[in-house]
């Protein structure tokens, strides 16, 4: 039942893309509803500014609509989703990169708000720690570029392996390796941060105990 429903969703999206290319505004709206939240999450992970992320998500979708008549559907396999999402997020990657080039010097960036639905926990769960997805994405910028892009597309935008490979023009095996290395590195960084915090708290507590003893002795 679930596989049938999944296949139907892919078939529906393919039909929406065809209709959208013919100028059907209803189909464009359906595609927008299906992808705008994922585009927003991806952009927010890249710019960490809510207003910029909203603007970028809108710009990316409009750019995709403008080029949709040139989009060619590609079969990513029976168990995978459509190639439209991969194509859309390849546009998103390039658009956000252009945004950064246009705005090389930016002001203070706001933190990623906790209310944004992440769809799946991703690296936070894989790291087996009680951190939020926002805390993980704070560390993603410290990863090599190829690993950053895989994590952002897989867990920020919610693409699967096949879609991520299509968007990055890489083999699926390469994407899996990059994801494995990225998650392993994130786990290491999270554990290091936790150890540092524990040592800091322990040092503060020792200092407080010594101060208490000093006051008692002086009294």
N, C-alpha and C. Protein backbone atom coordinates (compact mmCIF):
# COMPACT_ATOMS: atom_id res chain seq x y z
N UNK A 1 0.83 -1.20 0.00
CA UNK A 1 0.00 0.00 0.00
C UNK A 1 0.86 1.25 0.00
N UNK A 2 1.87 1.27 0.86
CA UNK A 2 2.74 2.44 0.95
C UNK A 2 3.50 2.64 -0.35
N UNK A 3 3.98 1.53 -0.95
CA UNK A 3 4.73 1.63 -2.20
C UNK A 3 3.85 2.16 -3.32
N UNK A 4 2.57 1.70 -3.34
CA UNK A 4 1.62 2.17 -4.36
C UNK A 4 1.37 3.65 -4.20
N UNK A 5 1.17 4.09 -2.97
CA UNK A 5 0.94 5.50 -2.69
C UNK A 5 2.15 6.34 -3.09
N UNK A 6 3.33 5.80 -2.83
CA UNK A 6 4.57 6.50 -3.15
C UNK A 6 4.71 6.65 -4.66
N UNK A 7 4.47 5.57 -5.38
CA UNK A 7 4.57 5.60 -6.84
C UNK A 7 3.55 6.57 -7.42
N UNK A 8 2.36 6.61 -6.82
CA UNK A 8 1.33 7.52 -7.29
C UNK A 8 1.74 8.97 -7.09
N UNK A 9 2.41 9.25 -5.96
CA UNK A 9 2.87 10.60 -5.69
C UNK A 9 3.88 11.05 -6.73
N UNK A 10 4.77 10.13 -7.12
CA UNK A 10 5.76 10.45 -8.15
C UNK A 10 5.06 10.70 -9.49
N UNK A 11 4.08 9.85 -9.80
CA UNK A 11 3.33 10.00 -11.05
C UNK A 11 2.59 11.33 -11.06
N UNK A 12 2.00 11.70 -9.93
CA UNK A 12 1.28 12.97 -9.83
C UNK A 12 2.23 14.14 -10.06
N UNK A 13 3.41 14.07 -9.43
CA UNK A 13 4.36 15.17 -9.58
C UNK A 13 4.82 15.29 -11.03
N UNK A 14 5.03 14.17 -11.66
CA UNK A 14 5.43 14.20 -13.07
C UNK A 14 4.35 14.89 -13.92
N UNK A 15 3.11 14.62 -13.60
CA UNK A 15 2.00 15.26 -14.31
C UNK A 15 1.95 16.75 -14.02
N UNK A 16 2.21 17.14 -12.75
CA UNK A 16 2.21 18.55 -12.40
C UNK A 16 3.31 19.30 -13.18
N UNK A 17 4.47 18.66 -13.30
CA UNK A 17 5.58 19.29 -14.03
C UNK A 17 5.19 19.49 -15.50
N UNK A 18 4.56 18.47 -16.09
CA UNK A 18 4.14 18.58 -17.49
C UNK A 18 3.13 19.71 -17.67
N UNK A 19 2.15 19.76 -16.76
CA UNK A 19 1.13 20.81 -16.85
C UNK A 19 1.72 22.18 -16.60
N UNK A 20 2.66 22.24 -15.65
CA UNK A 20 3.29 23.51 -15.33
C UNK A 20 4.06 24.04 -16.54
N UNK A 21 4.74 23.15 -17.26
CA UNK A 21 5.48 23.54 -18.46
C UNK A 21 4.54 24.09 -19.53
N UNK A 22 3.27 23.67 -19.48
CA UNK A 22 2.27 24.15 -20.42
C UNK A 22 1.57 25.43 -19.94
N UNK A 23 2.04 25.94 -18.77
CA UNK A 23 1.48 27.19 -18.26
C UNK A 23 0.34 27.04 -17.27
N UNK A 24 0.12 25.84 -16.76
CA UNK A 24 -0.95 25.59 -15.81
C UNK A 24 -0.58 26.15 -14.44
N UNK A 25 -1.27 27.20 -13.99
CA UNK A 25 -0.95 27.84 -12.73
C UNK A 25 -1.31 26.98 -11.52
N UNK A 26 -2.36 26.18 -11.64
CA UNK A 26 -2.74 25.29 -10.53
C UNK A 26 -1.64 24.28 -10.27
N UNK A 27 -1.08 23.72 -11.35
CA UNK A 27 0.01 22.75 -11.20
C UNK A 27 1.23 23.41 -10.59
N UNK A 28 1.51 24.65 -10.99
CA UNK A 28 2.64 25.39 -10.41
C UNK A 28 2.44 25.57 -8.91
N UNK A 29 1.21 25.86 -8.51
CA UNK A 29 0.90 26.02 -7.09
C UNK A 29 1.08 24.74 -6.31
N UNK A 30 0.72 23.62 -6.92
CA UNK A 30 0.88 22.32 -6.26
C UNK A 30 2.36 21.99 -6.07
N UNK A 31 3.17 22.28 -7.08
CA UNK A 31 4.61 22.06 -6.95
C UNK A 31 5.21 22.99 -5.90
N UNK A 32 4.74 24.21 -5.88
CA UNK A 32 5.22 25.18 -4.88
C UNK A 32 4.92 24.68 -3.47
N UNK A 33 3.70 24.24 -3.25
CA UNK A 33 3.31 23.74 -1.93
C UNK A 33 4.15 22.54 -1.52
N UNK A 34 4.53 21.71 -2.50
CA UNK A 34 5.29 20.50 -2.19
C UNK A 34 6.74 20.80 -1.83
N UNK A 35 7.29 21.92 -2.33
CA UNK A 35 8.72 22.14 -2.19
C UNK A 35 9.13 23.39 -1.42
N UNK A 36 8.22 24.33 -1.20
CA UNK A 36 8.66 25.61 -0.63
C UNK A 36 9.26 25.45 0.77
N UNK A 37 8.69 24.58 1.61
CA UNK A 37 9.23 24.41 2.96
C UNK A 37 10.63 23.81 2.93
N UNK A 38 10.84 22.86 2.03
CA UNK A 38 12.15 22.24 1.91
C UNK A 38 13.17 23.22 1.36
N UNK A 39 12.76 24.04 0.39
CA UNK A 39 13.65 25.08 -0.14
C UNK A 39 14.03 26.06 0.96
N UNK A 40 13.05 26.43 1.76
CA UNK A 40 13.29 27.39 2.84
C UNK A 40 14.28 26.83 3.85
N UNK A 41 14.10 25.57 4.24
CA UNK A 41 15.02 24.96 5.20
C UNK A 41 16.43 24.90 4.64
N UNK A 42 16.54 24.54 3.36
CA UNK A 42 17.85 24.46 2.73
C UNK A 42 18.52 25.83 2.71
N UNK A 43 17.77 26.85 2.30
CA UNK A 43 18.33 28.20 2.23
C UNK A 43 18.70 28.71 3.62
N UNK A 44 17.88 28.40 4.60
CA UNK A 44 18.16 28.85 5.96
C UNK A 44 19.44 28.23 6.49
N UNK A 45 19.68 26.97 6.13
CA UNK A 45 20.92 26.30 6.55
C UNK A 45 22.13 26.93 5.89
N UNK A 46 21.93 27.57 4.74
CA UNK A 46 23.04 28.19 4.02
C UNK A 46 23.28 29.64 4.42
N UNK A 47 22.21 30.38 4.76
CA UNK A 47 22.38 31.81 5.05
C UNK A 47 22.08 32.17 6.50
N UNK A 48 21.40 31.28 7.24
CA UNK A 48 21.10 31.50 8.67
C UNK A 48 20.39 32.83 8.94
N UNK A 49 19.59 33.28 7.98
CA UNK A 49 18.84 34.52 8.14
C UNK A 49 17.45 34.28 7.58
N UNK A 50 16.42 34.43 8.43
CA UNK A 50 15.06 34.05 8.03
C UNK A 50 14.56 34.83 6.82
N UNK A 51 14.76 36.14 6.84
CA UNK A 51 14.26 36.98 5.74
C UNK A 51 14.95 36.62 4.43
N UNK A 52 16.28 36.47 4.48
CA UNK A 52 17.02 36.10 3.27
C UNK A 52 16.59 34.73 2.77
N UNK A 53 16.38 33.79 3.70
CA UNK A 53 15.98 32.43 3.31
C UNK A 53 14.63 32.44 2.63
N UNK A 54 13.70 33.23 3.14
CA UNK A 54 12.37 33.34 2.52
C UNK A 54 12.48 33.90 1.12
N UNK A 55 13.25 34.98 0.97
CA UNK A 55 13.42 35.61 -0.35
C UNK A 55 14.08 34.64 -1.33
N UNK A 56 15.11 33.96 -0.86
CA UNK A 56 15.84 33.04 -1.74
C UNK A 56 14.95 31.89 -2.19
N UNK A 57 14.16 31.35 -1.28
CA UNK A 57 13.27 30.23 -1.63
C UNK A 57 12.29 30.65 -2.73
N UNK A 58 11.73 31.85 -2.60
CA UNK A 58 10.82 32.36 -3.61
C UNK A 58 11.54 32.57 -4.94
N UNK A 59 12.73 33.16 -4.89
CA UNK A 59 13.50 33.43 -6.10
C UNK A 59 13.86 32.14 -6.82
N UNK A 60 14.25 31.13 -6.05
CA UNK A 60 14.65 29.85 -6.63
C UNK A 60 13.48 29.19 -7.35
N UNK A 61 12.32 29.21 -6.70
CA UNK A 61 11.16 28.57 -7.32
C UNK A 61 10.75 29.30 -8.59
N UNK A 62 10.79 30.63 -8.55
CA UNK A 62 10.45 31.40 -9.75
C UNK A 62 11.46 31.14 -10.87
N UNK A 63 12.73 31.02 -10.51
CA UNK A 63 13.75 30.72 -11.52
C UNK A 63 13.48 29.34 -12.13
N UNK A 64 13.10 28.37 -11.28
CA UNK A 64 12.80 27.03 -11.79
C UNK A 64 11.59 27.06 -12.72
N UNK A 65 10.56 27.83 -12.35
CA UNK A 65 9.39 27.93 -13.21
C UNK A 65 9.75 28.52 -14.57
N UNK A 66 10.65 29.49 -14.55
CA UNK A 66 11.06 30.12 -15.79
C UNK A 66 11.81 29.18 -16.72
N UNK A 67 12.38 28.12 -16.15
CA UNK A 67 13.17 27.19 -16.97
C UNK A 67 12.53 25.82 -17.08
N UNK A 68 11.32 25.67 -16.56
CA UNK A 68 10.73 24.33 -16.45
C UNK A 68 10.45 23.70 -17.81
N UNK A 69 10.28 24.53 -18.84
CA UNK A 69 10.03 23.97 -20.17
C UNK A 69 11.27 23.27 -20.72
N UNK A 70 12.43 23.54 -20.11
CA UNK A 70 13.67 22.88 -20.54
C UNK A 70 14.04 21.69 -19.66
N UNK A 71 13.24 21.47 -18.61
CA UNK A 71 13.51 20.35 -17.71
C UNK A 71 13.12 19.03 -18.37
N UNK A 72 13.99 18.04 -18.27
CA UNK A 72 13.70 16.72 -18.80
C UNK A 72 13.66 15.71 -17.67
N UNK A 73 12.55 15.00 -17.59
CA UNK A 73 12.38 14.02 -16.52
C UNK A 73 13.37 12.88 -16.69
N UNK A 74 14.01 12.49 -15.59
CA UNK A 74 14.96 11.37 -15.62
C UNK A 74 14.51 10.32 -14.62
N UNK A 75 14.61 9.07 -15.01
CA UNK A 75 14.22 7.96 -14.15
C UNK A 75 15.33 7.69 -13.15
N UNK A 76 15.04 7.89 -11.86
CA UNK A 76 16.04 7.65 -10.82
C UNK A 76 15.86 6.28 -10.17
N UNK A 77 14.97 5.46 -10.71
CA UNK A 77 14.77 4.13 -10.14
C UNK A 77 13.41 4.01 -9.49
N UNK A 78 12.88 2.81 -9.49
CA UNK A 78 11.52 2.59 -8.98
C UNK A 78 11.39 2.92 -7.51
N UNK A 79 12.48 2.76 -6.75
CA UNK A 79 12.39 2.98 -5.30
C UNK A 79 12.71 4.41 -4.90
N UNK A 80 13.02 5.26 -5.89
CA UNK A 80 13.42 6.62 -5.58
C UNK A 80 12.36 7.62 -6.01
N UNK A 81 12.55 8.85 -5.57
CA UNK A 81 11.61 9.90 -5.93
C UNK A 81 11.94 10.49 -7.29
N UNK A 82 11.27 11.57 -7.63
CA UNK A 82 11.41 12.15 -8.96
C UNK A 82 12.73 12.89 -9.12
N UNK A 83 13.08 13.12 -10.36
CA UNK A 83 14.28 13.90 -10.63
C UNK A 83 14.00 15.39 -10.58
N UNK A 84 12.74 15.79 -10.47
CA UNK A 84 12.42 17.21 -10.41
C UNK A 84 13.02 17.86 -9.17
N UNK A 85 12.91 17.16 -8.03
CA UNK A 85 13.47 17.70 -6.79
C UNK A 85 14.97 17.89 -6.89
N UNK A 86 15.66 16.93 -7.52
CA UNK A 86 17.11 17.04 -7.68
C UNK A 86 17.45 18.24 -8.57
N UNK A 87 16.70 18.40 -9.65
CA UNK A 87 16.90 19.53 -10.56
C UNK A 87 16.65 20.86 -9.84
N UNK A 88 15.57 20.91 -9.07
CA UNK A 88 15.23 22.13 -8.35
C UNK A 88 16.33 22.52 -7.36
N UNK A 89 16.89 21.54 -6.65
CA UNK A 89 17.91 21.86 -5.65
C UNK A 89 19.29 22.09 -6.27
N UNK A 90 19.50 21.65 -7.50
CA UNK A 90 20.72 22.05 -8.19
C UNK A 90 20.64 23.53 -8.54
N UNK A 91 19.45 24.00 -8.89
CA UNK A 91 19.22 25.43 -9.11
C UNK A 91 19.42 26.18 -7.80
N UNK A 92 18.91 25.60 -6.71
CA UNK A 92 19.03 26.24 -5.39
C UNK A 92 20.49 26.42 -5.00
N UNK A 93 21.30 25.39 -5.21
CA UNK A 93 22.72 25.48 -4.87
C UNK A 93 23.40 26.63 -5.60
N UNK A 94 23.15 26.71 -6.90
CA UNK A 94 23.78 27.75 -7.70
C UNK A 94 23.26 29.14 -7.31
N UNK A 95 21.98 29.23 -7.02
CA UNK A 95 21.40 30.53 -6.68
C UNK A 95 21.93 31.04 -5.34
N UNK A 96 22.02 30.15 -4.37
CA UNK A 96 22.54 30.56 -3.07
C UNK A 96 24.03 30.94 -3.18
N UNK A 97 24.77 30.20 -3.99
CA UNK A 97 26.19 30.54 -4.20
C UNK A 97 26.31 31.93 -4.80
N UNK A 98 25.43 32.27 -5.75
CA UNK A 98 25.43 33.61 -6.34
C UNK A 98 25.06 34.66 -5.31
N UNK A 99 24.14 34.31 -4.42
CA UNK A 99 23.74 35.23 -3.35
C UNK A 99 24.93 35.57 -2.45
N UNK A 100 25.72 34.54 -2.13
CA UNK A 100 26.89 34.78 -1.28
C UNK A 100 27.94 35.62 -2.00
N UNK A 101 28.07 35.41 -3.29
CA UNK A 101 29.02 36.23 -4.04
C UNK A 101 28.57 37.69 -4.09
N UNK A 102 27.26 37.90 -4.21
CA UNK A 102 26.75 39.28 -4.27
C UNK A 102 26.82 39.98 -2.92
N UNK A 103 26.78 39.17 -1.86
CA UNK A 103 26.77 39.76 -0.52
C UNK A 103 27.92 39.19 0.28
N UNK A 104 29.15 39.49 -0.15
CA UNK A 104 30.34 38.94 0.51
C UNK A 104 30.45 39.42 1.95
N UNK A 105 30.01 40.63 2.22
CA UNK A 105 30.07 41.16 3.56
C UNK A 105 28.65 41.30 4.07
N UNK A 106 28.33 40.54 5.12
CA UNK A 106 26.97 40.55 5.67
C UNK A 106 27.01 40.93 7.15
N UNK A 107 25.86 41.40 7.64
CA UNK A 107 25.74 41.75 9.05
C UNK A 107 25.55 40.51 9.90
N UNK A 108 25.29 40.71 11.20
CA UNK A 108 25.07 39.58 12.11
C UNK A 108 23.91 38.72 11.62
N UNK A 109 24.09 37.42 11.72
CA UNK A 109 23.07 36.48 11.27
C UNK A 109 22.28 35.94 12.46
N UNK A 110 20.98 35.80 12.25
CA UNK A 110 20.14 35.27 13.33
C UNK A 110 20.29 33.76 13.41
N UNK A 111 20.00 33.22 14.57
CA UNK A 111 20.08 31.78 14.75
C UNK A 111 18.89 31.11 14.08
N UNK A 112 19.05 29.83 13.74
CA UNK A 112 17.96 29.09 13.13
C UNK A 112 16.89 28.82 14.19
N UNK A 113 15.66 29.29 13.99
CA UNK A 113 14.62 29.14 15.01
C UNK A 113 14.23 27.68 15.21
N UNK A 114 13.85 27.35 16.42
CA UNK A 114 13.56 25.96 16.77
C UNK A 114 12.26 25.46 16.16
N UNK A 115 11.37 26.39 15.76
CA UNK A 115 10.06 25.95 15.30
C UNK A 115 10.06 25.43 13.88
N UNK A 116 11.18 25.55 13.17
CA UNK A 116 11.21 25.09 11.79
C UNK A 116 11.17 23.57 11.77
N UNK A 117 10.17 22.98 11.09
CA UNK A 117 10.12 21.51 11.03
C UNK A 117 11.26 20.98 10.18
N UNK A 118 11.95 19.96 10.68
CA UNK A 118 13.08 19.44 9.92
C UNK A 118 12.74 18.15 9.18
N UNK A 119 11.52 17.65 9.35
CA UNK A 119 11.10 16.49 8.58
C UNK A 119 11.72 15.19 9.05
N UNK A 120 13.00 15.22 9.28
CA UNK A 120 13.71 14.04 9.79
C UNK A 120 14.91 14.51 10.58
N UNK A 121 15.23 13.79 11.62
CA UNK A 121 16.29 14.25 12.50
C UNK A 121 17.67 14.19 11.86
N UNK A 122 17.87 13.18 11.02
CA UNK A 122 19.13 13.12 10.29
C UNK A 122 20.34 13.00 11.18
N UNK A 123 21.37 13.85 10.98
CA UNK A 123 22.63 13.72 11.70
C UNK A 123 22.48 13.79 13.21
N UNK A 124 21.47 14.52 13.69
CA UNK A 124 21.30 14.62 15.15
C UNK A 124 21.00 13.25 15.74
N UNK A 125 20.13 12.48 15.08
CA UNK A 125 19.83 11.14 15.54
C UNK A 125 21.03 10.22 15.36
N UNK A 126 21.68 10.32 14.20
CA UNK A 126 22.81 9.45 13.92
C UNK A 126 23.94 9.69 14.91
N UNK A 127 24.03 10.91 15.41
CA UNK A 127 25.07 11.22 16.39
C UNK A 127 24.72 10.69 17.77
N UNK A 128 23.49 10.19 17.93
CA UNK A 128 23.06 9.60 19.20
C UNK A 128 23.31 10.53 20.37
N UNK A 129 22.83 11.75 20.20
CA UNK A 129 23.00 12.73 21.27
C UNK A 129 21.74 13.55 21.37
N UNK A 130 21.58 14.27 22.47
CA UNK A 130 20.37 15.04 22.71
C UNK A 130 20.44 16.45 22.15
N UNK A 131 21.18 16.66 21.09
CA UNK A 131 21.27 17.97 20.48
C UNK A 131 20.15 18.13 19.46
N UNK A 132 19.87 19.37 19.08
CA UNK A 132 18.85 19.64 18.09
C UNK A 132 19.48 19.68 16.71
N UNK A 133 18.64 19.59 15.67
CA UNK A 133 19.15 19.65 14.31
C UNK A 133 19.82 21.00 14.05
N UNK A 134 19.35 22.06 14.74
CA UNK A 134 19.95 23.38 14.57
C UNK A 134 21.39 23.40 15.06
N UNK A 135 21.65 22.72 16.17
CA UNK A 135 23.00 22.65 16.71
C UNK A 135 23.92 21.91 15.75
N UNK A 136 23.40 20.88 15.11
CA UNK A 136 24.21 20.13 14.16
C UNK A 136 24.55 20.99 12.96
N UNK A 137 23.57 21.72 12.42
CA UNK A 137 23.84 22.55 11.25
C UNK A 137 24.80 23.69 11.57
N UNK A 138 24.89 24.05 12.84
CA UNK A 138 25.88 25.07 13.23
C UNK A 138 27.29 24.54 12.98
N UNK A 139 27.48 23.24 13.12
CA UNK A 139 28.79 22.62 12.93
C UNK A 139 29.05 22.22 11.49
N UNK A 140 28.01 22.16 10.68
CA UNK A 140 28.16 21.70 9.30
C UNK A 140 29.13 22.59 8.53
N UNK A 141 29.16 23.88 8.84
CA UNK A 141 30.05 24.81 8.13
C UNK A 141 31.52 24.46 8.31
N UNK A 142 31.83 23.65 9.32
CA UNK A 142 33.22 23.26 9.55
C UNK A 142 33.63 22.03 8.73
N UNK A 143 32.68 21.44 8.01
CA UNK A 143 32.97 20.27 7.19
C UNK A 143 33.54 20.70 5.84
N UNK A 144 34.25 19.81 5.15
CA UNK A 144 34.67 20.10 3.77
C UNK A 144 33.45 20.39 2.90
N UNK A 145 33.64 21.16 1.85
CA UNK A 145 32.51 21.64 1.04
C UNK A 145 31.63 20.50 0.52
N UNK A 146 32.23 19.45 0.00
CA UNK A 146 31.45 18.35 -0.57
C UNK A 146 30.57 17.69 0.49
N UNK A 147 31.11 17.52 1.70
CA UNK A 147 30.33 16.93 2.79
C UNK A 147 29.22 17.88 3.24
N UNK A 148 29.53 19.19 3.27
CA UNK A 148 28.51 20.18 3.64
C UNK A 148 27.30 20.09 2.73
N UNK A 149 27.55 20.03 1.42
CA UNK A 149 26.47 20.01 0.46
C UNK A 149 25.61 18.75 0.61
N UNK A 150 26.25 17.62 0.85
CA UNK A 150 25.50 16.39 1.02
C UNK A 150 24.60 16.48 2.25
N UNK A 151 25.13 16.95 3.37
CA UNK A 151 24.32 17.05 4.59
C UNK A 151 23.18 18.04 4.42
N UNK A 152 23.45 19.16 3.77
CA UNK A 152 22.39 20.17 3.58
C UNK A 152 21.27 19.66 2.69
N UNK A 153 21.64 18.95 1.64
CA UNK A 153 20.62 18.42 0.74
C UNK A 153 19.89 17.23 1.34
N UNK A 154 20.64 16.33 2.01
CA UNK A 154 20.02 15.13 2.58
C UNK A 154 19.11 15.47 3.76
N UNK A 155 19.60 16.31 4.68
CA UNK A 155 18.86 16.52 5.92
C UNK A 155 18.27 17.92 6.07
N UNK A 156 18.79 18.88 5.30
CA UNK A 156 18.17 20.19 5.30
C UNK A 156 17.01 20.24 4.33
N UNK A 157 17.25 19.80 3.10
CA UNK A 157 16.22 19.81 2.07
C UNK A 157 15.40 18.53 2.03
N UNK A 158 15.90 17.46 2.65
CA UNK A 158 15.14 16.22 2.71
C UNK A 158 15.23 15.37 1.46
N UNK A 159 16.25 15.59 0.62
CA UNK A 159 16.41 14.74 -0.57
C UNK A 159 16.92 13.36 -0.18
N UNK A 160 16.58 12.37 -1.00
CA UNK A 160 17.13 11.04 -0.74
C UNK A 160 18.48 10.91 -1.45
N UNK A 161 19.08 9.73 -1.36
CA UNK A 161 20.42 9.54 -1.93
C UNK A 161 20.43 9.79 -3.44
N UNK A 162 19.44 9.22 -4.15
CA UNK A 162 19.41 9.37 -5.60
C UNK A 162 19.24 10.83 -6.01
N UNK A 163 18.34 11.54 -5.35
CA UNK A 163 18.10 12.95 -5.67
C UNK A 163 19.33 13.80 -5.35
N UNK A 164 19.97 13.49 -4.23
CA UNK A 164 21.18 14.23 -3.85
C UNK A 164 22.28 14.01 -4.87
N UNK A 165 22.44 12.77 -5.30
CA UNK A 165 23.46 12.47 -6.32
C UNK A 165 23.17 13.21 -7.61
N UNK A 166 21.89 13.25 -7.99
CA UNK A 166 21.50 13.96 -9.21
C UNK A 166 21.79 15.46 -9.09
N UNK A 167 21.44 16.03 -7.94
CA UNK A 167 21.64 17.47 -7.73
C UNK A 167 23.11 17.84 -7.72
N UNK A 168 23.96 16.96 -7.21
CA UNK A 168 25.39 17.24 -7.09
C UNK A 168 26.19 16.70 -8.27
N UNK A 169 25.49 16.00 -9.18
CA UNK A 169 26.16 15.39 -10.34
C UNK A 169 27.24 14.42 -9.87
N UNK A 170 26.89 13.61 -8.88
CA UNK A 170 27.81 12.61 -8.34
C UNK A 170 27.16 11.23 -8.40
N UNK A 171 27.96 10.19 -8.25
CA UNK A 171 27.44 8.84 -8.14
C UNK A 171 26.81 8.64 -6.76
N UNK A 172 25.80 7.78 -6.70
CA UNK A 172 25.14 7.53 -5.42
C UNK A 172 26.12 6.98 -4.39
N UNK A 173 27.05 6.14 -4.85
CA UNK A 173 28.05 5.60 -3.93
C UNK A 173 28.91 6.70 -3.32
N UNK A 174 29.25 7.70 -4.12
CA UNK A 174 30.05 8.82 -3.61
C UNK A 174 29.28 9.61 -2.56
N UNK A 175 27.98 9.80 -2.82
CA UNK A 175 27.14 10.52 -1.86
C UNK A 175 27.08 9.78 -0.54
N UNK A 176 26.95 8.47 -0.59
CA UNK A 176 26.90 7.66 0.64
C UNK A 176 28.20 7.78 1.42
N UNK A 177 29.32 7.76 0.71
CA UNK A 177 30.62 7.88 1.38
C UNK A 177 30.76 9.26 2.02
N UNK A 178 30.38 10.31 1.30
CA UNK A 178 30.47 11.67 1.83
C UNK A 178 29.56 11.84 3.05
N UNK A 179 28.37 11.24 2.99
CA UNK A 179 27.46 11.32 4.12
C UNK A 179 28.05 10.59 5.33
N UNK A 180 28.61 9.41 5.12
CA UNK A 180 29.21 8.65 6.20
C UNK A 180 30.34 9.44 6.86
N UNK A 181 31.22 10.03 6.03
CA UNK A 181 32.34 10.79 6.58
C UNK A 181 31.85 12.03 7.32
N UNK A 182 30.82 12.69 6.77
CA UNK A 182 30.30 13.90 7.39
C UNK A 182 29.68 13.61 8.76
N UNK A 183 28.87 12.55 8.81
CA UNK A 183 28.22 12.19 10.08
C UNK A 183 29.26 11.77 11.11
N UNK A 184 30.27 11.02 10.67
CA UNK A 184 31.33 10.62 11.58
C UNK A 184 32.05 11.83 12.15
N UNK A 185 32.33 12.82 11.29
CA UNK A 185 33.00 14.04 11.74
C UNK A 185 32.11 14.85 12.67
N UNK A 186 30.83 14.92 12.36
CA UNK A 186 29.89 15.65 13.22
C UNK A 186 29.80 15.00 14.59
N UNK A 187 29.77 13.68 14.62
CA UNK A 187 29.73 12.97 15.90
C UNK A 187 30.96 13.32 16.73
N UNK A 188 32.12 13.35 16.08
CA UNK A 188 33.36 13.66 16.78
C UNK A 188 33.33 15.09 17.35
N UNK A 189 32.84 16.03 16.54
CA UNK A 189 32.78 17.41 17.00
C UNK A 189 31.79 17.59 18.14
N UNK A 190 30.65 16.89 18.05
CA UNK A 190 29.65 16.98 19.10
C UNK A 190 30.18 16.40 20.41
N UNK A 191 30.87 15.28 20.31
CA UNK A 191 31.44 14.66 21.51
C UNK A 191 32.52 15.55 22.12
N UNK A 192 33.31 16.20 21.27
CA UNK A 192 34.35 17.08 21.76
C UNK A 192 33.75 18.29 22.48
N UNK A 193 32.68 18.85 21.88
CA UNK A 193 32.00 19.98 22.51
C UNK A 193 31.41 19.58 23.86
N UNK A 194 30.80 18.39 23.90
CA UNK A 194 30.20 17.91 25.15
C UNK A 194 31.26 17.71 26.23
N UNK A 195 32.43 17.15 25.84
CA UNK A 195 33.51 16.93 26.79
C UNK A 195 34.06 18.26 27.31
N UNK A 196 34.19 19.24 26.41
CA UNK A 196 34.68 20.55 26.81
C UNK A 196 33.72 21.22 27.78
N UNK A 197 32.41 21.10 27.49
CA UNK A 197 31.41 21.69 28.36
C UNK A 197 31.42 21.04 29.73
N UNK A 198 31.60 19.71 29.75
CA UNK A 198 31.64 18.99 31.02
C UNK A 198 32.84 19.42 31.86
N UNK A 199 33.99 19.54 31.23
CA UNK A 199 35.19 19.98 31.94
C UNK A 199 35.03 21.40 32.46
N UNK A 200 34.40 22.25 31.66
CA UNK A 200 34.19 23.64 32.07
C UNK A 200 33.27 23.71 33.27
N UNK A 201 32.18 22.94 33.22
CA UNK A 201 31.24 22.92 34.34
C UNK A 201 31.88 22.36 35.59
N UNK A 202 32.72 21.32 35.40
CA UNK A 202 33.40 20.71 36.53
C UNK A 202 34.37 21.70 37.18
N UNK A 203 35.09 22.45 36.33
CA UNK A 203 36.02 23.45 36.84
C UNK A 203 35.32 24.55 37.60
N UNK A 204 34.16 24.98 37.06
CA UNK A 204 33.40 26.02 37.74
C UNK A 204 32.89 25.55 39.09
N UNK A 205 32.44 24.28 39.13
CA UNK A 205 31.92 23.73 40.38
C UNK A 205 33.03 23.62 41.41
N UNK A 206 34.24 23.20 40.97
CA UNK A 206 35.37 23.10 41.89
C UNK A 206 35.73 24.46 42.45
N UNK A 207 35.70 25.46 41.59
CA UNK A 207 36.00 26.82 42.04
C UNK A 207 34.98 27.30 43.05
N UNK A 208 33.72 26.99 42.82
CA UNK A 208 32.67 27.39 43.76
C UNK A 208 32.84 26.68 45.10
N UNK A 209 33.21 25.39 45.07
CA UNK A 209 33.41 24.63 46.31
C UNK A 209 34.59 25.21 47.11
N UNK A 210 35.67 25.55 46.42
CA UNK A 210 36.83 26.13 47.11
C UNK A 210 36.48 27.47 47.73
N UNK A 211 35.69 28.25 47.02
CA UNK A 211 35.29 29.55 47.56
C UNK A 211 34.41 29.38 48.78
N UNK A 212 33.51 28.39 48.73
CA UNK A 212 32.65 28.12 49.89
C UNK A 212 33.48 27.69 51.09
N UNK A 213 34.48 26.80 50.87
CA UNK A 213 35.34 26.36 51.95
C UNK A 213 36.12 27.53 52.54
N UNK A 214 36.59 28.43 51.68
CA UNK A 214 37.36 29.57 52.15
C UNK A 214 36.51 30.45 53.04
N UNK A 215 35.28 30.67 52.64
CA UNK A 215 34.39 31.51 53.43
C UNK A 215 34.08 30.86 54.78
N UNK A 216 33.88 29.54 54.77
CA UNK A 216 33.56 28.86 56.02
C UNK A 216 34.77 28.94 56.97
N UNK A 217 35.97 28.72 56.42
CA UNK A 217 37.16 28.75 57.26
C UNK A 217 37.44 30.14 57.83
N UNK A 218 37.19 31.16 56.99
CA UNK A 218 37.42 32.52 57.46
C UNK A 218 36.40 32.95 58.48
N UNK A 219 35.22 32.33 58.42
CA UNK A 219 34.19 32.69 59.38
C UNK A 219 34.45 32.06 60.73
